[in-house]
Amino acid sequence: QEKVAELQQELSGKEQEKVAELSRVRVELQEQIGHLQAERTAQGGLKEKIAALEREAKVLASSHREALLDKESEIASLLEKLRLRDAEIQRIREDEAQRASFLQSAILTYVQGSPLGGYSPKK
């Protein structure tokens, strides 16, 4: 009977150890579950931030593309104005050269027709 009591006490002690171990494991698992849930929440927040930044990047890229197209259009317009101005300057130069030529001819004709024109060498 003493042996049975001893074995029952040993069994009871082992049972208490098992219950304590189960409690310790349960607490440990609850802690791990808590950490994993916190991590999942943090990752969800980061995913939302990433999505928002990607949307913002798309908007910026689109507006930069539009700005670039506007600048290219402005450059083309300015180049066309420059081409027209160069053509106008060339036309004015040609007009000036023609006027100078007419003036030179008129002066030559006048000089040759005047009494001073008699001083030119004659054949």
PDB file of N, CA and C in Angstrom:
ATOM      1  N   GLN A   1       0.829  -1.192   0.000  1.00  0.00           N
ATOM      2  CA  GLN A   1       0.000   0.000   0.000  1.00  0.00           C
ATOM      3  C   GLN A   1       0.874   1.257   0.000  1.00  0.00           C
ATOM      4  N   GLU A   2       1.968   1.178   0.671  1.00  0.00           N
ATOM      5  CA  GLU A   2       2.907   2.291   0.697  1.00  0.00           C
ATOM      6  C   GLU A   2       3.481   2.522  -0.705  1.00  0.00           C
ATOM      7  N   LYS A   3       3.759   1.425  -1.368  1.00  0.00           N
ATOM      8  CA  LYS A   3       4.293   1.483  -2.727  1.00  0.00           C
ATOM      9  C   LYS A   3       3.285   2.144  -3.658  1.00  0.00           C
ATOM     10  N   VAL A   4       2.013   1.806  -3.512  1.00  0.00           N
ATOM     11  CA  VAL A   4       0.945   2.374  -4.338  1.00  0.00           C
ATOM     12  C   VAL A   4       0.847   3.863  -4.071  1.00  0.00           C
ATOM     13  N   ALA A   5       0.891   4.274  -2.808  1.00  0.00           N
ATOM     14  CA  ALA A   5       0.809   5.684  -2.442  1.00  0.00           C
ATOM     15  C   ALA A   5       1.996   6.433  -3.043  1.00  0.00           C
ATOM     16  N   GLU A   6       3.174   5.802  -2.960  1.00  0.00           N
ATOM     17  CA  GLU A   6       4.389   6.395  -3.522  1.00  0.00           C
ATOM     18  C   GLU A   6       4.244   6.579  -5.027  1.00  0.00           C
ATOM     19  N   LEU A   7       3.740   5.529  -5.700  1.00  0.00           N
ATOM     20  CA  LEU A   7       3.558   5.594  -7.158  1.00  0.00           C
ATOM     21  C   LEU A   7       2.498   6.635  -7.518  1.00  0.00           C
ATOM     22  N   GLN A   8       1.442   6.721  -6.700  1.00  0.00           N
ATOM     23  CA  GLN A   8       0.396   7.709  -6.971  1.00  0.00           C
ATOM     24  C   GLN A   8       0.937   9.123  -6.796  1.00  0.00           C
ATOM     25  N   GLN A   9       1.787   9.310  -5.807  1.00  0.00           N
ATOM     26  CA  GLN A   9       2.385  10.623  -5.561  1.00  0.00           C
ATOM     27  C   GLN A   9       3.321  10.979  -6.728  1.00  0.00           C
ATOM     28  N   GLU A  10       4.109   9.993  -7.165  1.00  0.00           N
ATOM     29  CA  GLU A  10       5.024  10.209  -8.294  1.00  0.00           C
ATOM     30  C   GLU A  10       4.218  10.551  -9.546  1.00  0.00           C
ATOM     31  N   LEU A  11       3.113   9.786  -9.733  1.00  0.00           N
ATOM     32  CA  LEU A  11       2.247  10.026 -10.888  1.00  0.00           C
ATOM     33  C   LEU A  11       1.622  11.416 -10.803  1.00  0.00           C
ATOM     34  N   SER A  12       1.206  11.791  -9.610  1.00  0.00           N
ATOM     35  CA  SER A  12       0.611  13.104  -9.398  1.00  0.00           C
ATOM     36  C   SER A  12       1.639  14.204  -9.698  1.00  0.00           C
ATOM     37  N   GLY A  13       2.869  14.007  -9.267  1.00  0.00           N
ATOM     38  CA  GLY A  13       3.947  14.977  -9.529  1.00  0.00           C
ATOM     39  C   GLY A  13       4.198  15.109 -11.019  1.00  0.00           C
ATOM     40  N   LYS A  14       4.238  13.944 -11.707  1.00  0.00           N
ATOM     41  CA  LYS A  14       4.466  13.977 -13.153  1.00  0.00           C
ATOM     42  C   LYS A  14       3.298  14.654 -13.864  1.00  0.00           C
ATOM     43  N   GLU A  15       2.107  14.425 -13.357  1.00  0.00           N
ATOM     44  CA  GLU A  15       0.913  15.048 -13.940  1.00  0.00           C
ATOM     45  C   GLU A  15       1.003  16.569 -13.800  1.00  0.00           C
ATOM     46  N   GLN A  16       1.448  17.025 -12.605  1.00  0.00           N
ATOM     47  CA  GLN A  16       1.584  18.463 -12.377  1.00  0.00           C
ATOM     48  C   GLN A  16       2.663  19.050 -13.291  1.00  0.00           C
ATOM     49  N   GLU A  17       3.776  18.297 -13.478  1.00  0.00           N
ATOM     50  CA  GLU A  17       4.841  18.749 -14.379  1.00  0.00           C
ATOM     51  C   GLU A  17       4.302  18.883 -15.803  1.00  0.00           C
ATOM     52  N   LYS A  18       3.503  17.868 -16.205  1.00  0.00           N
ATOM     53  CA  LYS A  18       2.932  17.885 -17.546  1.00  0.00           C
ATOM     54  C   LYS A  18       2.003  19.087 -17.721  1.00  0.00           C
ATOM     55  N   VAL A  19       1.154  19.348 -16.701  1.00  0.00           N
ATOM     56  CA  VAL A  19       0.230  20.486 -16.762  1.00  0.00           C
ATOM     57  C   VAL A  19       1.020  21.795 -16.823  1.00  0.00           C
ATOM     58  N   ALA A  20       2.092  21.897 -16.021  1.00  0.00           N
ATOM     59  CA  ALA A  20       2.925  23.104 -16.006  1.00  0.00           C
ATOM     60  C   ALA A  20       3.602  23.294 -17.364  1.00  0.00           C
ATOM     61  N   GLU A  21       4.125  22.186 -17.930  1.00  0.00           N
ATOM     62  CA  GLU A  21       4.786  22.245 -19.240  1.00  0.00           C
ATOM     63  C   GLU A  21       3.785  22.674 -20.320  1.00  0.00           C
ATOM     64  N   LEU A  22       2.577  22.089 -20.260  1.00  0.00           N
ATOM     65  CA  LEU A  22       1.538  22.465 -21.225  1.00  0.00           C
ATOM     66  C   LEU A  22       1.188  23.950 -21.095  1.00  0.00           C
ATOM     67  N   SER A  23       1.093  24.433 -19.885  1.00  0.00           N
ATOM     68  CA  SER A  23       0.794  25.857 -19.661  1.00  0.00           C
ATOM     69  C   SER A  23       1.907  26.732 -20.235  1.00  0.00           C
ATOM     70  N   ARG A  24       3.166  26.319 -19.974  1.00  0.00           N
ATOM     71  CA  ARG A  24       4.316  27.082 -20.471  1.00  0.00           C
ATOM     72  C   ARG A  24       4.302  27.114 -22.002  1.00  0.00           C
ATOM     73  N   VAL A  25       4.045  25.962 -22.640  1.00  0.00           N
ATOM     74  CA  VAL A  25       4.007  25.876 -24.095  1.00  0.00           C
ATOM     75  C   VAL A  25       2.851  26.707 -24.643  1.00  0.00           C
ATOM     76  N   ARG A  26       1.698  26.632 -23.957  1.00  0.00           N
ATOM     77  CA  ARG A  26       0.534  27.397 -24.396  1.00  0.00           C
ATOM     78  C   ARG A  26       0.840  28.902 -24.354  1.00  0.00           C
ATOM     79  N   VAL A  27       1.470  29.368 -23.269  1.00  0.00           N
ATOM     80  CA  VAL A  27       1.827  30.789 -23.127  1.00  0.00           C
ATOM     81  C   VAL A  27       2.808  31.193 -24.236  1.00  0.00           C
ATOM     82  N   GLU A  28       3.798  30.313 -24.476  1.00  0.00           N
ATOM     83  CA  GLU A  28       4.800  30.572 -25.511  1.00  0.00           C
ATOM     84  C   GLU A  28       4.129  30.701 -26.885  1.00  0.00           C
ATOM     85  N   LEU A  29       3.207  29.778 -27.186  1.00  0.00           N
ATOM     86  CA  LEU A  29       2.506  29.809 -28.463  1.00  0.00           C
ATOM     87  C   LEU A  29       1.645  31.066 -28.583  1.00  0.00           C
ATOM     88  N   GLN A  30       0.984  31.456 -27.494  1.00  0.00           N
ATOM     89  CA  GLN A  30       0.172  32.678 -27.520  1.00  0.00           C
ATOM     90  C   GLN A  30       1.048  33.899 -27.821  1.00  0.00           C
ATOM     91  N   GLU A  31       2.249  33.912 -27.217  1.00  0.00           N
ATOM     92  CA  GLU A  31       3.178  35.020 -27.464  1.00  0.00           C
ATOM     93  C   GLU A  31       3.589  35.050 -28.938  1.00  0.00           C
ATOM     94  N   GLN A  32       3.916  33.861 -29.480  1.00  0.00           N
ATOM     95  CA  GLN A  32       4.312  33.790 -30.887  1.00  0.00           C
ATOM     96  C   GLN A  32       3.166  34.229 -31.803  1.00  0.00           C
ATOM     97  N   ILE A  33       1.944  33.792 -31.460  1.00  0.00           N
ATOM     98  CA  ILE A  33       0.776  34.199 -32.252  1.00  0.00           C
ATOM     99  C   ILE A  33       0.614  35.716 -32.200  1.00  0.00           C
ATOM    100  N   GLY A  34       0.795  36.286 -31.023  1.00  0.00           N
ATOM    101  CA  GLY A  34       0.707  37.751 -30.870  1.00  0.00           C
ATOM    102  C   GLY A  34       1.741  38.466 -31.730  1.00  0.00           C
ATOM    103  N   HIS A  35       2.999  37.964 -31.703  1.00  0.00           N
ATOM    104  CA  HIS A  35       4.073  38.568 -32.511  1.00  0.00           C
ATOM    105  C   HIS A  35       3.741  38.461 -34.004  1.00  0.00           C
ATOM    106  N   LEU A  36       3.250  37.273 -34.413  1.00  0.00           N
ATOM    107  CA  LEU A  36       2.925  37.067 -35.829  1.00  0.00           C
ATOM    108  C   LEU A  36       1.780  37.975 -36.279  1.00  0.00           C
ATOM    109  N   GLN A  37       0.793  38.140 -35.416  1.00  0.00           N
ATOM    110  CA  GLN A  37      -0.321  39.026 -35.767  1.00  0.00           C
ATOM    111  C   GLN A  37       0.150  40.477 -35.885  1.00  0.00           C
ATOM    112  N   ALA A  38       1.021  40.887 -34.955  1.00  0.00           N
ATOM    113  CA  ALA A  38       1.562  42.254 -35.010  1.00  0.00           C
ATOM    114  C   ALA A  38       2.365  42.446 -36.291  1.00  0.00           C
ATOM    115  N   GLU A  39       3.143  41.431 -36.636  1.00  0.00           N
ATOM    116  CA  GLU A  39       3.959  41.498 -37.855  1.00  0.00           C
ATOM    117  C   GLU A  39       3.064  41.568 -39.097  1.00  0.00           C
ATOM    118  N   ARG A  40       1.993  40.773 -39.098  1.00  0.00           N
ATOM    119  CA  ARG A  40       1.056  40.781 -40.228  1.00  0.00           C
ATOM    120  C   ARG A  40       0.425  42.164 -40.373  1.00  0.00           C
ATOM    121  N   THR A  41       0.036  42.755 -39.237  1.00  0.00           N
ATOM    122  CA  THR A  41      -0.569  44.096 -39.261  1.00  0.00           C
ATOM    123  C   THR A  41       0.434  45.110 -39.816  1.00  0.00           C
ATOM    124  N   ALA A  42       1.687  45.013 -39.341  1.00  0.00           N
ATOM    125  CA  ALA A  42       2.723  45.940 -39.819  1.00  0.00           C
ATOM    126  C   ALA A  42       2.946  45.766 -41.319  1.00  0.00           C
ATOM    127  N   GLN A  43       2.977  44.512 -41.793  1.00  0.00           N
ATOM    128  CA  GLN A  43       3.173  44.266 -43.217  1.00  0.00           C
ATOM    129  C   GLN A  43       1.998  44.793 -44.034  1.00  0.00           C
ATOM    130  N   GLY A  44       0.801  44.660 -43.487  1.00  0.00           N
ATOM    131  CA  GLY A  44      -0.379  45.211 -44.167  1.00  0.00           C
ATOM    132  C   GLY A  44      -0.254  46.717 -44.330  1.00  0.00           C
ATOM    133  N   GLY A  45       0.194  47.373 -43.258  1.00  0.00           N
ATOM    134  CA  GLY A  45       0.402  48.831 -43.324  1.00  0.00           C
ATOM    135  C   GLY A  45       1.456  49.194 -44.360  1.00  0.00           C
ATOM    136  N   LEU A  46       2.537  48.408 -44.387  1.00  0.00           N
ATOM    137  CA  LEU A  46       3.599  48.671 -45.364  1.00  0.00           C
ATOM    138  C   LEU A  46       3.103  48.449 -46.793  1.00  0.00           C
ATOM    139  N   LYS A  47       2.285  47.416 -46.988  1.00  0.00           N
ATOM    140  CA  LYS A  47       1.726  47.168 -48.325  1.00  0.00           C
ATOM    141  C   LYS A  47       0.863  48.338 -48.769  1.00  0.00           C
ATOM    142  N   GLU A  48       0.067  48.892 -47.834  1.00  0.00           N
ATOM    143  CA  GLU A  48      -0.763  50.058 -48.166  1.00  0.00           C
ATOM    144  C   GLU A  48       0.118  51.249 -48.541  1.00  0.00           C
ATOM    145  N   LYS A  49       1.200  51.455 -47.777  1.00  0.00           N
ATOM    146  CA  LYS A  49       2.113  52.563 -48.080  1.00  0.00           C
ATOM    147  C   LYS A  49       2.749  52.367 -49.451  1.00  0.00           C
ATOM    148  N   ILE A  50       3.168  51.132 -49.740  1.00  0.00           N
ATOM    149  CA  ILE A  50       3.779  50.831 -51.040  1.00  0.00           C
ATOM    150  C   ILE A  50       2.789  51.118 -52.162  1.00  0.00           C
ATOM    151  N   ALA A  51       1.547  50.684 -51.999  1.00  0.00           N
ATOM    152  CA  ALA A  51       0.519  50.920 -53.027  1.00  0.00           C
ATOM    153  C   ALA A  51       0.301  52.423 -53.226  1.00  0.00           C
ATOM    154  N   ALA A  52       0.249  53.172 -52.125  1.00  0.00           N
ATOM    155  CA  ALA A  52       0.052  54.627 -52.223  1.00  0.00           C
ATOM    156  C   ALA A  52       1.231  55.275 -52.940  1.00  0.00           C
ATOM    157  N   LEU A  53       2.460  54.848 -52.605  1.00  0.00           N
ATOM    158  CA  LEU A  53       3.649  55.409 -53.257  1.00  0.00           C
ATOM    159  C   LEU A  53       3.688  55.058 -54.740  1.00  0.00           C
ATOM    160  N   GLU A  54       3.256  53.840 -55.083  1.00  0.00           N
ATOM    161  CA  GLU A  54       3.220  53.449 -56.495  1.00  0.00           C
ATOM    162  C   GLU A  54       2.218  54.317 -57.260  1.00  0.00           C
ATOM    163  N   ARG A  55       1.056  54.577 -56.647  1.00  0.00           N
ATOM    164  CA  ARG A  55       0.063  55.444 -57.293  1.00  0.00           C
ATOM    165  C   ARG A  55       0.631  56.850 -57.482  1.00  0.00           C
ATOM    166  N   GLU A  56       1.285  57.349 -56.431  1.00  0.00           N
ATOM    167  CA  GLU A  56       1.881  58.689 -56.500  1.00  0.00           C
ATOM    168  C   GLU A  56       2.950  58.749 -57.594  1.00  0.00           C
ATOM    169  N   ALA A  57       3.761  57.688 -57.687  1.00  0.00           N
ATOM    170  CA  ALA A  57       4.810  57.638 -58.714  1.00  0.00           C
ATOM    171  C   ALA A  57       4.195  57.654 -60.115  1.00  0.00           C
ATOM    172  N   LYS A  58       3.067  56.929 -60.296  1.00  0.00           N
ATOM    173  CA  LYS A  58       2.391  56.929 -61.606  1.00  0.00           C
ATOM    174  C   LYS A  58       1.887  58.321 -61.954  1.00  0.00           C
ATOM    175  N   VAL A  59       1.292  59.005 -60.948  1.00  0.00           N
ATOM    176  CA  VAL A  59       0.771  60.357 -61.184  1.00  0.00           C
ATOM    177  C   VAL A  59       1.923  61.295 -61.553  1.00  0.00           C
ATOM    178  N   LEU A  60       3.030  61.207 -60.803  1.00  0.00           N
ATOM    179  CA  LEU A  60       4.186  62.070 -61.088  1.00  0.00           C
ATOM    180  C   LEU A  60       4.758  61.778 -62.467  1.00  0.00           C
ATOM    181  N   ALA A  61       4.875  60.497 -62.813  1.00  0.00           N
ATOM    182  CA  ALA A  61       5.419  60.132 -64.129  1.00  0.00           C
ATOM    183  C   ALA A  61       4.525  60.689 -65.229  1.00  0.00           C
ATOM    184  N   SER A  62       3.225  60.597 -65.028  1.00  0.00           N
ATOM    185  CA  SER A  62       2.289  61.108 -66.030  1.00  0.00           C
ATOM    186  C   SER A  62       2.415  62.624 -66.175  1.00  0.00           C
ATOM    187  N   SER A  63       2.478  63.328 -65.046  1.00  0.00           N
ATOM    188  CA  SER A  63       2.582  64.789 -65.128  1.00  0.00           C
ATOM    189  C   SER A  63       3.936  65.205 -65.703  1.00  0.00           C
ATOM    190  N   HIS A  64       4.989  64.452 -65.390  1.00  0.00           N
ATOM    191  CA  HIS A  64       6.302  64.764 -65.969  1.00  0.00           C
ATOM    192  C   HIS A  64       6.286  64.536 -67.476  1.00  0.00           C
ATOM    193  N   ARG A  65       5.605  63.457 -67.900  1.00  0.00           N
ATOM    194  CA  ARG A  65       5.489  63.172 -69.329  1.00  0.00           C
ATOM    195  C   ARG A  65       4.764  64.332 -70.034  1.00  0.00           C
ATOM    196  N   GLU A  66       3.665  64.796 -69.408  1.00  0.00           N
ATOM    197  CA  GLU A  66       2.917  65.915 -69.981  1.00  0.00           C
ATOM    198  C   GLU A  66       3.774  67.177 -70.039  1.00  0.00           C
ATOM    199  N   ALA A  67       4.510  67.446 -68.969  1.00  0.00           N
ATOM    200  CA  ALA A  67       5.378  68.634 -68.932  1.00  0.00           C
ATOM    201  C   ALA A  67       6.443  68.539 -70.016  1.00  0.00           C
ATOM    202  N   LEU A  68       6.993  67.344 -70.195  1.00  0.00           N
ATOM    203  CA  LEU A  68       8.021  67.133 -71.221  1.00  0.00           C
ATOM    204  C   LEU A  68       7.440  67.381 -72.607  1.00  0.00           C
ATOM    205  N   LEU A  69       6.233  66.862 -72.856  1.00  0.00           N
ATOM    206  CA  LEU A  69       5.585  67.087 -74.153  1.00  0.00           C
ATOM    207  C   LEU A  69       5.318  68.574 -74.367  1.00  0.00           C
ATOM    208  N   ASP A  70       4.883  69.267 -73.309  1.00  0.00           N
ATOM    209  CA  ASP A  70       4.650  70.713 -73.408  1.00  0.00           C
ATOM    210  C   ASP A  70       5.943  71.444 -73.767  1.00  0.00           C
ATOM    211  N   LYS A  71       7.028  71.062 -73.106  1.00  0.00           N
ATOM    212  CA  LYS A  71       8.320  71.718 -73.376  1.00  0.00           C
ATOM    213  C   LYS A  71       8.779  71.424 -74.804  1.00  0.00           C
ATOM    214  N   GLU A  72       8.601  70.183 -75.260  1.00  0.00           N
ATOM    215  CA  GLU A  72       9.006  69.843 -76.631  1.00  0.00           C
ATOM    216  C   GLU A  72       8.185  70.656 -77.631  1.00  0.00           C
ATOM    217  N   SER A  73       6.897  70.821 -77.354  1.00  0.00           N
ATOM    218  CA  SER A  73       6.026  71.619 -78.225  1.00  0.00           C
ATOM    219  C   SER A  73       6.477  73.081 -78.220  1.00  0.00           C
ATOM    220  N   GLU A  74       6.811  73.586 -77.037  1.00  0.00           N
ATOM    221  CA  GLU A  74       7.279  74.969 -76.912  1.00  0.00           C
ATOM    222  C   GLU A  74       8.580  75.166 -77.684  1.00  0.00           C
ATOM    223  N   ILE A  75       9.494  74.194 -77.590  1.00  0.00           N
ATOM    224  CA  ILE A  75      10.766  74.265 -78.311  1.00  0.00           C
ATOM    225  C   ILE A  75      10.507  74.292 -79.816  1.00  0.00           C
ATOM    226  N   ALA A  76       9.607  73.412 -80.294  1.00  0.00           N
ATOM    227  CA  ALA A  76       9.286  73.374 -81.717  1.00  0.00           C
ATOM    228  C   ALA A  76       8.728  74.719 -82.171  1.00  0.00           C
ATOM    229  N   SER A  77       7.844  75.308 -81.358  1.00  0.00           N
ATOM    230  CA  SER A  77       7.253  76.601 -81.689  1.00  0.00           C
ATOM    231  C   SER A  77       8.332  77.687 -81.757  1.00  0.00           C
ATOM    232  N   LEU A  78       9.237  77.696 -80.770  1.00  0.00           N
ATOM    233  CA  LEU A  78      10.309  78.691 -80.753  1.00  0.00           C
ATOM    234  C   LEU A  78      11.260  78.512 -81.943  1.00  0.00           C
ATOM    235  N   LEU A  79      11.530  77.251 -82.305  1.00  0.00           N
ATOM    236  CA  LEU A  79      12.393  76.998 -83.463  1.00  0.00           C
ATOM    237  C   LEU A  79      11.729  77.516 -84.746  1.00  0.00           C
ATOM    238  N   GLU A  80      10.416  77.337 -84.857  1.00  0.00           N
ATOM    239  CA  GLU A  80       9.688  77.838 -86.030  1.00  0.00           C
ATOM    240  C   GLU A  80       9.738  79.365 -86.071  1.00  0.00           C
ATOM    241  N   LYS A  81       9.550  80.022 -84.910  1.00  0.00           N
ATOM    242  CA  LYS A  81       9.644  81.484 -84.859  1.00  0.00           C
ATOM    243  C   LYS A  81      11.046  81.944 -85.271  1.00  0.00           C
ATOM    244  N   LEU A  82      12.049  81.211 -84.790  1.00  0.00           N
ATOM    245  CA  LEU A  82      13.435  81.539 -85.125  1.00  0.00           C
ATOM    246  C   LEU A  82      13.672  81.393 -86.628  1.00  0.00           C
ATOM    247  N   ARG A  83      13.131  80.330 -87.212  1.00  0.00           N
ATOM    248  CA  ARG A  83      13.283  80.104 -88.659  1.00  0.00           C
ATOM    249  C   ARG A  83      12.629  81.243 -89.436  1.00  0.00           C
ATOM    250  N   LEU A  84      11.420  81.649 -89.008  1.00  0.00           N
ATOM    251  CA  LEU A  84      10.725  82.753 -89.680  1.00  0.00           C
ATOM    252  C   LEU A  84      11.505  84.060 -89.537  1.00  0.00           C
ATOM    253  N   ARG A  85      12.056  84.297 -88.361  1.00  0.00           N
ATOM    254  CA  ARG A  85      12.835  85.525 -88.130  1.00  0.00           C
ATOM    255  C   ARG A  85      14.099  85.526 -88.985  1.00  0.00           C
ATOM    256  N   ASP A  86      14.769  84.357 -89.064  1.00  0.00           N
ATOM    257  CA  ASP A  86      15.961  84.249 -89.919  1.00  0.00           C
ATOM    258  C   ASP A  86      15.608  84.530 -91.377  1.00  0.00           C
ATOM    259  N   ALA A  87      14.457  83.990 -91.834  1.00  0.00           N
ATOM    260  CA  ALA A  87      14.020  84.221 -93.213  1.00  0.00           C
ATOM    261  C   ALA A  87      13.739  85.711 -93.428  1.00  0.00           C
ATOM    262  N   GLU A  88      13.120  86.380 -92.445  1.00  0.00           N
ATOM    263  CA  GLU A  88      12.837  87.814 -92.533  1.00  0.00           C
ATOM    264  C   GLU A  88      14.136  88.612 -92.603  1.00  0.00           C
ATOM    265  N   ILE A  89      15.109  88.248 -91.772  1.00  0.00           N
ATOM    266  CA  ILE A  89      16.412  88.933 -91.795  1.00  0.00           C
ATOM    267  C   ILE A  89      17.077  88.754 -93.155  1.00  0.00           C
ATOM    268  N   GLN A  90      17.022  87.543 -93.691  1.00  0.00           N
ATOM    269  CA  GLN A  90      17.615  87.276 -95.013  1.00  0.00           C
ATOM    270  C   GLN A  90      16.926  88.127 -96.087  1.00  0.00           C
ATOM    271  N   ARG A  91      15.579  88.209 -96.020  1.00  0.00           N
ATOM    272  CA  ARG A  91      14.828  89.020 -96.993  1.00  0.00           C
ATOM    273  C   ARG A  91      15.227  90.488 -96.881  1.00  0.00           C
ATOM    274  N   ILE A  92      15.367  90.986 -95.643  1.00  0.00           N
ATOM    275  CA  ILE A  92      15.765  92.388 -95.442  1.00  0.00           C
ATOM    276  C   ILE A  92      17.170  92.617 -96.004  1.00  0.00           C
ATOM    277  N   ARG A  93      18.077  91.686 -95.794  1.00  0.00           N
ATOM    278  CA  ARG A  93      19.452  91.818 -96.330  1.00  0.00           C
ATOM    279  C   ARG A  93      19.422  91.877 -97.851  1.00  0.00           C
ATOM    280  N   GLU A  94      18.611  91.003 -98.457  1.00  0.00           N
ATOM    281  CA  GLU A  94      18.515  90.993 -99.919  1.00  0.00           C
ATOM    282  C   GLU A  94      17.938  92.314-100.422  1.00  0.00           C
ATOM    283  N   ASP A  95      16.899  92.845 -99.721  1.00  0.00           N
ATOM    284  CA  ASP A  95      16.321  94.144-100.098  1.00  0.00           C
ATOM    285  C   ASP A  95      17.369  95.248 -99.994  1.00  0.00           C
ATOM    286  N   GLU A  96      18.135  95.238 -98.910  1.00  0.00           N
ATOM    287  CA  GLU A  96      19.187  96.254 -98.713  1.00  0.00           C
ATOM    288  C   GLU A  96      20.236  96.164 -99.819  1.00  0.00           C
ATOM    289  N   ALA A  97      20.631  94.918-100.154  1.00  0.00           N
ATOM    290  CA  ALA A  97      21.635  94.741-101.220  1.00  0.00           C
ATOM    291  C   ALA A  97      21.083  95.263-102.543  1.00  0.00           C
ATOM    292  N   GLN A  98      19.793  95.009-102.817  1.00  0.00           N
ATOM    293  CA  GLN A  98      19.172  95.468-104.063  1.00  0.00           C
ATOM    294  C   GLN A  98      19.097  96.992-104.081  1.00  0.00           C
ATOM    295  N   ARG A  99      18.716  97.617-102.958  1.00  0.00           N
ATOM    296  CA  ARG A  99      18.661  99.083-102.864  1.00  0.00           C
ATOM    297  C   ARG A  99      20.048  99.692-103.089  1.00  0.00           C
ATOM    298  N   ALA A 100      21.052  99.060-102.456  1.00  0.00           N
ATOM    299  CA  ALA A 100      22.419  99.564-102.616  1.00  0.00           C
ATOM    300  C   ALA A 100      22.835  99.472-104.081  1.00  0.00           C
ATOM    301  N   SER A 101      22.467  98.393-104.725  1.00  0.00           N
ATOM    302  CA  SER A 101      22.805  98.215-106.139  1.00  0.00           C
ATOM    303  C   SER A 101      22.101  99.276-106.997  1.00  0.00           C
ATOM    304  N   PHE A 102      20.784  99.505-106.718  1.00  0.00           N
ATOM    305  CA  PHE A 102      20.044 100.532-107.457  1.00  0.00           C
ATOM    306  C   PHE A 102      20.681 101.903-107.248  1.00  0.00           C
ATOM    307  N   LEU A 103      21.041 102.211-105.995  1.00  0.00           N
ATOM    308  CA  LEU A 103      21.646 103.507-105.673  1.00  0.00           C
ATOM    309  C   LEU A 103      22.977 103.663-106.403  1.00  0.00           C
ATOM    310  N   GLN A 104      23.768 102.613-106.399  1.00  0.00           N
ATOM    311  CA  GLN A 104      25.068 102.651-107.075  1.00  0.00           C
ATOM    312  C   GLN A 104      24.856 102.903-108.575  1.00  0.00           C
ATOM    313  N   SER A 105      23.892 102.226-109.185  1.00  0.00           N
ATOM    314  CA  SER A 105      23.600 102.411-110.620  1.00  0.00           C
ATOM    315  C   SER A 105      23.136 103.830-110.890  1.00  0.00           C
ATOM    316  N   ALA A 106      22.262 104.348-110.015  1.00  0.00           N
ATOM    317  CA  ALA A 106      21.753 105.713-110.202  1.00  0.00           C
ATOM    318  C   ALA A 106      22.874 106.720-110.115  1.00  0.00           C
ATOM    319  N   ILE A 107      23.749 106.545-109.124  1.00  0.00           N
ATOM    320  CA  ILE A 107      24.875 107.472-108.957  1.00  0.00           C
ATOM    321  C   ILE A 107      25.779 107.402-110.186  1.00  0.00           C
ATOM    322  N   LEU A 108      26.076 106.209-110.668  1.00  0.00           N
ATOM    323  CA  LEU A 108      26.931 106.027-111.841  1.00  0.00           C
ATOM    324  C   LEU A 108      26.308 106.696-113.068  1.00  0.00           C
ATOM    325  N   THR A 109      24.995 106.474-113.245  1.00  0.00           N
ATOM    326  CA  THR A 109      24.290 107.073-114.383  1.00  0.00           C
ATOM    327  C   THR A 109      24.328 108.593-114.282  1.00  0.00           C
ATOM    328  N   TYR A 110      24.111 109.140-113.085  1.00  0.00           N
ATOM    329  CA  TYR A 110      24.122 110.582-112.863  1.00  0.00           C
ATOM    330  C   TYR A 110      25.500 111.158-113.169  1.00  0.00           C
ATOM    331  N   VAL A 111      26.519 110.485-112.605  1.00  0.00           N
ATOM    332  CA  VAL A 111      27.889 110.984-112.786  1.00  0.00           C
ATOM    333  C   VAL A 111      28.267 110.952-114.275  1.00  0.00           C
ATOM    334  N   GLN A 112      27.913 109.900-114.957  1.00  0.00           N
ATOM    335  CA  GLN A 112      28.274 109.784-116.379  1.00  0.00           C
ATOM    336  C   GLN A 112      27.503 110.800-117.225  1.00  0.00           C
ATOM    337  N   GLY A 113      26.318 111.187-116.791  1.00  0.00           N
ATOM    338  CA  GLY A 113      25.513 112.145-117.555  1.00  0.00           C
ATOM    339  C   GLY A 113      25.837 113.580-117.225  1.00  0.00           C
ATOM    340  N   SER A 114      26.566 113.859-116.176  1.00  0.00           N
ATOM    341  CA  SER A 114      26.865 115.235-115.758  1.00  0.00           C
ATOM    342  C   SER A 114      28.088 115.760-116.495  1.00  0.00           C
ATOM    343  N   PRO A 115      28.324 117.056-116.464  1.00  0.00           N
ATOM    344  CA  PRO A 115      29.511 117.591-117.132  1.00  0.00           C
ATOM    345  C   PRO A 115      30.800 117.018-116.538  1.00  0.00           C
ATOM    346  N   LEU A 116      30.741 116.564-115.258  1.00  0.00           N
ATOM    347  CA  LEU A 116      31.951 115.973-114.648  1.00  0.00           C
ATOM    348  C   LEU A 116      32.268 114.643-115.319  1.00  0.00           C
ATOM    349  N   GLY A 117      31.304 114.033-115.930  1.00  0.00           N
ATOM    350  CA  GLY A 117      31.497 112.752-116.591  1.00  0.00           C
ATOM    351  C   GLY A 117      32.456 112.882-117.752  1.00  0.00           C
ATOM    352  N   GLY A 118      32.718 114.108-118.222  1.00  0.00           N
ATOM    353  CA  GLY A 118      33.643 114.323-119.337  1.00  0.00           C
ATOM    354  C   GLY A 118      35.072 114.006-118.979  1.00  0.00           C
ATOM    355  N   TYR A 119      35.363 113.920-117.726  1.00  0.00           N
ATOM    356  CA  TYR A 119      36.724 113.623-117.302  1.00  0.00           C
ATOM    357  C   TYR A 119      37.057 112.177-117.402  1.00  0.00           C
ATOM    358  N   SER A 120      36.071 111.340-117.677  1.00  0.00           N
ATOM    359  CA  SER A 120      36.375 109.920-117.792  1.00  0.00           C
ATOM    360  C   SER A 120      37.146 109.700-119.088  1.00  0.00           C
ATOM    361  N   PRO A 121      38.079 108.757-119.093  1.00  0.00           N
ATOM    362  CA  PRO A 121      38.924 108.568-120.298  1.00  0.00           C
ATOM    363  C   PRO A 121      38.083 108.176-121.514  1.00  0.00           C
ATOM    364  N   LYS A 122      38.414 108.831-122.666  1.00  0.00           N
ATOM    365  CA  LYS A 122      37.664 108.555-123.882  1.00  0.00           C
ATOM    366  C   LYS A 122      38.541 107.829-124.868  1.00  0.00           C
ATOM    367  N   LYS A 123      37.912 107.064-125.707  1.00  0.00           N
ATOM    368  CA  LYS A 123      38.659 106.269-126.679  1.00  0.00           C
ATOM    369  C   LYS A 123      38.959 107.098-127.901  1.00  0.00           C
TER     370      LYS A 123
END
